[in-house]
Protein backbone atom coordinates (compact mmCIF):
# COMPACT_ATOMS: atom_id res chain seq x y z
CA MET A 1 21.34 14.66 79.69
CA ARG A 2 20.16 17.95 81.09
CA ALA A 3 22.29 19.91 83.58
CA ARG A 4 21.12 22.72 85.86
CA LEU A 5 23.39 24.91 87.99
CA TRP A 6 22.19 25.27 91.58
CA GLY A 7 25.42 26.66 93.04
CA THR A 8 28.29 28.29 91.16
CA ARG A 9 30.27 30.04 93.89
CA GLY A 10 33.58 28.81 95.26
CA SER A 11 35.06 28.59 98.76
CA LEU A 12 32.31 30.43 100.65
CA ALA A 13 28.62 31.10 100.11
CA SER A 14 28.15 34.78 99.29
CA PRO A 15 24.47 35.71 98.89
CA GLY A 16 23.50 39.35 98.54
CA PRO A 17 22.53 42.10 96.10
CA GLU A 18 25.99 42.14 94.51
CA THR A 19 25.91 38.44 93.58
CA VAL A 20 22.27 37.93 92.64
CA ARG A 21 22.85 37.21 88.92
CA TYR A 22 25.74 34.75 89.16
CA GLY A 23 24.48 33.42 92.47
CA GLY A 24 25.83 33.00 95.98
CA HIS A 25 25.36 29.27 96.60
CA THR A 26 28.41 27.01 96.55
CA SER A 27 28.99 24.15 94.12
CA CYS A 28 26.03 22.01 93.13
CA VAL A 29 24.88 20.81 89.70
CA GLU A 30 21.83 18.67 88.97
CA VAL A 31 22.04 16.27 86.02
CA ARG A 32 19.01 14.37 84.69
CA GLY A 33 19.53 11.39 82.45
CA GLY A 34 17.30 10.47 79.56
CA ASP A 35 15.89 7.58 81.59
CA GLY A 36 15.10 9.80 84.59
CA THR A 37 18.33 9.19 86.51
CA VAL A 38 18.92 11.97 89.05
CA LEU A 39 22.60 12.69 89.59
CA ILE A 40 23.95 15.56 91.68
CA LEU A 41 27.48 16.90 91.38
CA ASP A 42 28.70 18.14 94.78
CA ALA A 43 26.69 19.07 97.86
CA GLY A 44 27.46 22.72 98.40
CA THR A 45 24.78 25.04 99.75
CA GLY A 46 23.01 24.88 96.39
CA ILE A 47 21.83 21.35 97.19
CA GLN A 48 19.35 22.69 99.74
CA PRO A 49 17.03 24.45 97.24
CA LEU A 50 17.56 21.57 94.80
CA GLY A 51 16.38 19.06 97.40
CA ALA A 52 13.21 21.05 97.96
CA THR A 53 12.21 20.41 94.32
CA LEU A 54 12.59 16.61 94.52
CA GLY A 55 9.25 15.02 95.31
CA PRO A 56 8.39 11.50 96.46
CA GLU A 57 8.50 10.28 92.85
CA VAL A 58 12.30 10.41 93.06
CA LYS A 59 13.04 7.16 94.88
CA GLU A 60 16.76 6.81 94.12
CA LEU A 61 19.48 9.32 93.35
CA HIS A 62 23.25 9.70 93.19
CA ILE A 63 25.43 12.42 94.75
CA LEU A 64 28.97 12.63 93.31
CA LEU A 65 31.37 14.52 95.57
CA THR A 66 34.59 15.81 94.04
CA HIS A 67 36.22 16.26 97.47
CA LEU A 68 35.36 17.04 101.06
CA HIS A 69 36.21 20.72 101.45
CA MET A 70 33.39 22.42 103.33
CA ASP A 71 32.07 24.44 100.39
CA HIS A 72 31.34 21.14 98.59
CA ILE A 73 29.56 19.29 101.41
CA GLN A 74 28.05 22.03 103.59
CA GLY A 75 24.56 21.63 102.16
CA LEU A 76 24.44 17.86 102.63
CA GLY A 77 22.71 17.96 106.02
CA PHE A 78 19.95 20.14 104.58
CA PHE A 79 19.14 17.86 101.64
CA LYS A 80 15.53 16.71 102.13
CA PRO A 81 15.75 13.25 100.49
CA LEU A 82 18.22 12.16 103.19
CA PHE A 83 15.36 12.41 105.67
CA ARG A 84 12.90 10.25 103.71
CA GLU A 85 12.54 6.61 104.72
CA ASP A 86 11.59 5.61 101.17
CA ALA A 87 14.63 7.22 99.50
CA VAL A 88 17.79 5.43 98.37
CA VAL A 89 20.71 7.87 98.25
CA HIS A 90 24.09 6.88 96.83
CA ILE A 91 27.03 9.09 97.78
CA TRP A 92 30.19 8.66 95.72
CA GLY A 93 33.44 10.39 96.65
CA PRO A 94 37.25 10.17 96.66
CA ILE A 95 38.96 7.27 98.37
CA SER A 96 41.47 7.93 101.14
CA ALA A 97 44.25 5.77 102.54
CA LYS A 98 43.30 6.74 106.10
CA ARG A 99 39.50 6.59 106.43
CA HIS A 100 36.53 5.35 104.46
CA LEU A 101 34.34 8.03 102.87
CA ARG A 102 31.48 7.25 105.27
CA ASP A 103 33.73 7.88 108.27
CA ARG A 104 35.02 11.15 106.85
CA LEU A 105 31.50 12.41 106.10
CA ALA A 106 30.44 11.43 109.61
CA ARG A 107 33.01 13.83 111.04
CA TYR A 108 30.97 16.67 109.52
CA MET A 109 27.49 15.20 110.07
CA SER A 110 27.76 14.70 113.83
CA PRO A 111 27.84 16.92 116.92
CA PRO A 112 29.22 19.48 117.54
CA LEU A 113 29.29 20.44 113.84
CA PHE A 114 25.81 19.15 113.00
CA PRO A 115 22.92 18.06 115.25
CA VAL A 116 22.01 14.90 113.27
CA SER A 117 24.50 12.07 112.89
CA LEU A 118 25.02 10.37 109.56
CA ARG A 119 24.07 7.01 111.09
CA ASP A 120 20.68 8.37 112.18
CA LEU A 121 19.46 9.37 108.73
CA PRO A 122 16.23 7.52 107.86
CA CYS A 123 17.01 7.03 104.17
CA LEU A 124 18.86 4.02 102.80
CA LEU A 125 22.31 5.57 102.45
CA VAL A 126 24.89 3.77 100.28
CA VAL A 127 28.40 5.26 100.39
CA HIS A 128 30.95 4.42 97.70
CA ASP A 129 34.71 5.08 97.90
CA VAL A 130 35.93 6.01 94.41
CA SER A 131 39.41 6.05 92.92
CA SER A 132 40.26 6.50 89.25
CA GLU A 133 37.61 4.25 87.75
CA ARG A 134 34.43 3.90 85.70
CA PHE A 135 31.06 3.12 87.27
CA GLN A 136 27.37 3.28 86.47
CA ALA A 137 24.97 5.71 88.16
CA GLY A 138 21.56 4.72 86.86
CA GLY A 139 21.62 5.18 83.10
CA ILE A 140 24.67 7.47 83.16
CA THR A 141 28.22 6.16 82.77
CA VAL A 142 30.67 7.95 85.04
CA ASP A 143 34.43 8.17 84.62
CA ALA A 144 36.30 9.49 87.66
CA ASP A 145 39.94 10.47 87.96
CA LEU A 146 42.12 12.29 90.47
CA VAL A 147 42.90 15.90 89.55
CA CYS A 148 45.26 18.58 90.81
CA HIS A 149 43.76 20.13 93.97
CA PRO A 150 44.82 19.93 97.66
CA GLY A 151 43.66 16.65 99.22
CA PRO A 152 42.08 13.70 97.38
CA THR A 153 39.99 15.33 94.64
CA LEU A 154 38.11 13.82 91.72
CA GLY A 155 36.94 15.18 88.42
CA TYR A 156 34.03 13.48 86.65
CA ARG A 157 32.98 12.74 83.09
CA LEU A 158 29.33 11.78 82.59
CA SER A 159 28.37 9.99 79.38
CA GLU A 160 25.03 9.07 77.87
CA GLY A 161 24.02 8.43 74.29
CA GLY A 162 27.43 9.29 72.89
CA LYS A 163 27.52 12.73 74.58
CA ALA A 164 29.70 13.79 77.50
CA LEU A 165 29.67 16.36 80.31
CA ALA A 166 32.93 16.98 82.19
CA TYR A 167 32.92 18.50 85.68
CA LEU A 168 36.13 19.86 87.23
CA PRO A 169 35.04 22.60 89.66
CA ASP A 170 38.25 22.73 91.73
CA HIS A 171 41.25 22.26 89.48
CA GLU A 172 44.73 23.75 89.06
CA PRO A 173 46.22 22.13 85.95
CA ALA A 174 48.82 24.92 85.58
CA LEU A 175 50.51 24.12 88.89
CA GLY A 176 54.23 23.48 88.39
CA ALA A 177 54.10 24.06 84.63
CA ARG A 178 56.79 26.30 83.14
CA THR A 179 54.57 26.83 80.13
CA PHE A 180 50.85 26.17 79.96
CA PRO A 181 49.14 24.27 78.60
CA GLN A 182 51.50 21.32 78.36
CA GLU A 183 51.11 18.15 76.33
CA PRO A 184 47.82 16.34 76.98
CA SER A 185 49.55 13.45 78.75
CA TRP A 186 50.99 15.93 81.27
CA THR A 187 47.79 17.92 81.80
CA SER A 188 45.71 17.11 84.87
CA GLY A 189 42.19 16.03 84.00
CA PHE A 190 42.73 15.89 80.25
CA GLY A 191 41.20 12.43 79.85
CA LEU A 192 38.00 13.61 81.52
CA MET A 193 37.73 16.75 79.39
CA ASP A 194 38.87 15.42 76.01
CA GLY A 195 36.21 16.16 73.40
CA ALA A 196 33.51 16.88 75.98
CA ASP A 197 30.31 18.45 74.71
CA LEU A 198 30.05 20.52 77.90
CA LEU A 199 32.86 21.33 80.33
CA ILE A 200 32.10 22.91 83.72
CA HIS A 201 35.44 24.17 84.98
CA ASP A 202 37.03 26.19 87.75
CA THR A 203 37.62 29.86 86.79
CA GLN A 204 38.01 31.36 90.26
CA TYR A 205 40.76 33.91 89.61
CA THR A 206 41.90 36.66 87.34
CA SER A 207 45.44 36.18 85.99
CA ALA A 208 46.79 38.66 88.54
CA GLU A 209 44.95 37.00 91.42
CA TYR A 210 46.28 33.59 90.46
CA GLN A 211 49.87 34.77 90.96
CA GLU A 212 49.02 35.36 94.62
CA HIS A 213 47.27 31.99 95.01
CA VAL A 214 49.56 29.48 93.29
CA GLY A 215 49.07 26.09 94.91
CA TRP A 216 45.61 26.87 96.30
CA GLY A 217 44.07 24.45 93.80
CA HIS A 218 42.20 26.79 91.46
CA SER A 219 42.48 28.23 87.95
CA ALA A 220 42.49 31.65 86.39
CA LEU A 221 40.04 32.23 83.55
CA ASP A 222 42.77 32.29 80.91
CA GLN A 223 44.07 28.91 82.11
CA ALA A 224 40.59 27.40 81.84
CA LEU A 225 40.30 28.75 78.31
CA ALA A 226 43.67 27.23 77.41
CA VAL A 227 42.83 23.79 78.79
CA ALA A 228 39.40 23.84 77.12
CA ALA A 229 41.06 24.54 73.78
CA LEU A 230 43.60 21.78 74.38
CA ALA A 231 40.80 19.32 75.15
CA ARG A 232 38.74 20.41 72.12
CA VAL A 233 35.53 20.86 74.08
CA GLN A 234 32.36 22.21 72.50
CA ARG A 235 31.20 24.48 75.34
CA LEU A 236 32.89 25.80 78.48
CA VAL A 237 30.84 26.92 81.48
CA THR A 238 32.78 29.10 83.94
CA PHE A 239 32.37 27.98 87.54
CA HIS A 240 33.53 28.25 91.17
CA HIS A 241 33.47 32.05 91.10
CA ASP A 242 35.47 33.78 93.82
CA PRO A 243 33.22 34.81 96.75
CA SER A 244 34.62 38.33 96.64
CA HIS A 245 33.72 38.88 92.98
CA SER A 246 30.52 40.83 92.41
CA ASP A 247 28.29 40.40 89.37
CA GLU A 248 29.88 43.50 87.83
CA GLN A 249 33.40 42.18 88.38
CA LEU A 250 32.47 38.84 86.83
CA ASP A 251 30.94 40.67 83.86
CA GLU A 252 34.23 42.54 83.43
CA LEU A 253 36.23 39.31 83.72
CA HIS A 254 34.12 37.57 81.09
CA GLY A 255 34.46 40.65 78.91
CA THR A 256 38.17 39.84 78.55
CA ILE A 257 37.46 36.55 76.76
CA PRO A 258 38.79 36.62 73.18
CA PRO A 259 35.92 36.79 70.67
CA GLU A 260 37.25 34.08 68.38
CA LEU A 261 37.62 30.76 70.14
CA PRO A 262 37.01 27.23 68.81
CA PHE A 263 34.37 26.67 71.50
CA GLU A 264 31.53 28.57 73.16
CA VAL A 265 32.09 30.15 76.59
CA ILE A 266 29.06 30.52 78.84
CA PRO A 267 29.24 32.40 82.17
CA GLY A 268 28.07 30.05 84.91
CA GLN A 269 25.00 31.51 86.60
CA GLU A 270 22.66 29.88 89.09
CA GLY A 271 19.56 28.53 87.39
CA ALA A 272 21.19 28.09 83.97
CA VAL A 273 20.13 24.90 82.18
CA PHE A 274 22.14 23.07 79.54
CA GLU A 275 21.10 20.28 77.21
CA VAL A 276 23.81 17.74 76.42
CA GLU A 277 22.30 15.87 73.50
């Protein structure tokens, strides 16, 4: 698998000269399987430039939504393949006891919030409600599980050829813990992260900022480092950067990472490409 970051920002798109290196687009990651499978993690504003690169040779693709907060779906209506009659687009996302995923997405993609209704898209759109389960997206095996974040929220583990990528962009595993990390069986998302070759994980806050945002559904950098060590991952990519953090502030934050860790830490920047092989 090959992963490319198209959007690394959390909560709100924040383009500008102070965010040019880490990027201002919200959550979106492109994953290409060895057999050509195109899989997209979340549909934040980063999905718009991604969609512009997908030509007519891409006939079928999969979009995996972790949850339906606006920063993770706001780019969906600007994704070009949705407007191609020859395209087959699968959208996977968290199940709800109240409404099907298609109905919940239609609340965003309909007037007055958006000029084009979901039902009017010319592509063949297949919407899948997902709970904690395993499914196949082309040649990639996907494990999904609910994780700690307000509202129904999934984390994903993508596997191919014995290698695994874990994606938990909005995640607060330290919530309610007197000490952290706890035992694996008590740690949100552990099964998805365990032994992953690449973990893309929420690092929105500094430790001080987290104390003012407990229960908001996000992690401080030191918590992400702790859970990555617990899960024995090979590489950790920081993600879901706070919209108020400039490139310089993020450099300073990453400068606090201890030099000797049992895994590699890579600052998540738009355009970065990772091989998982």
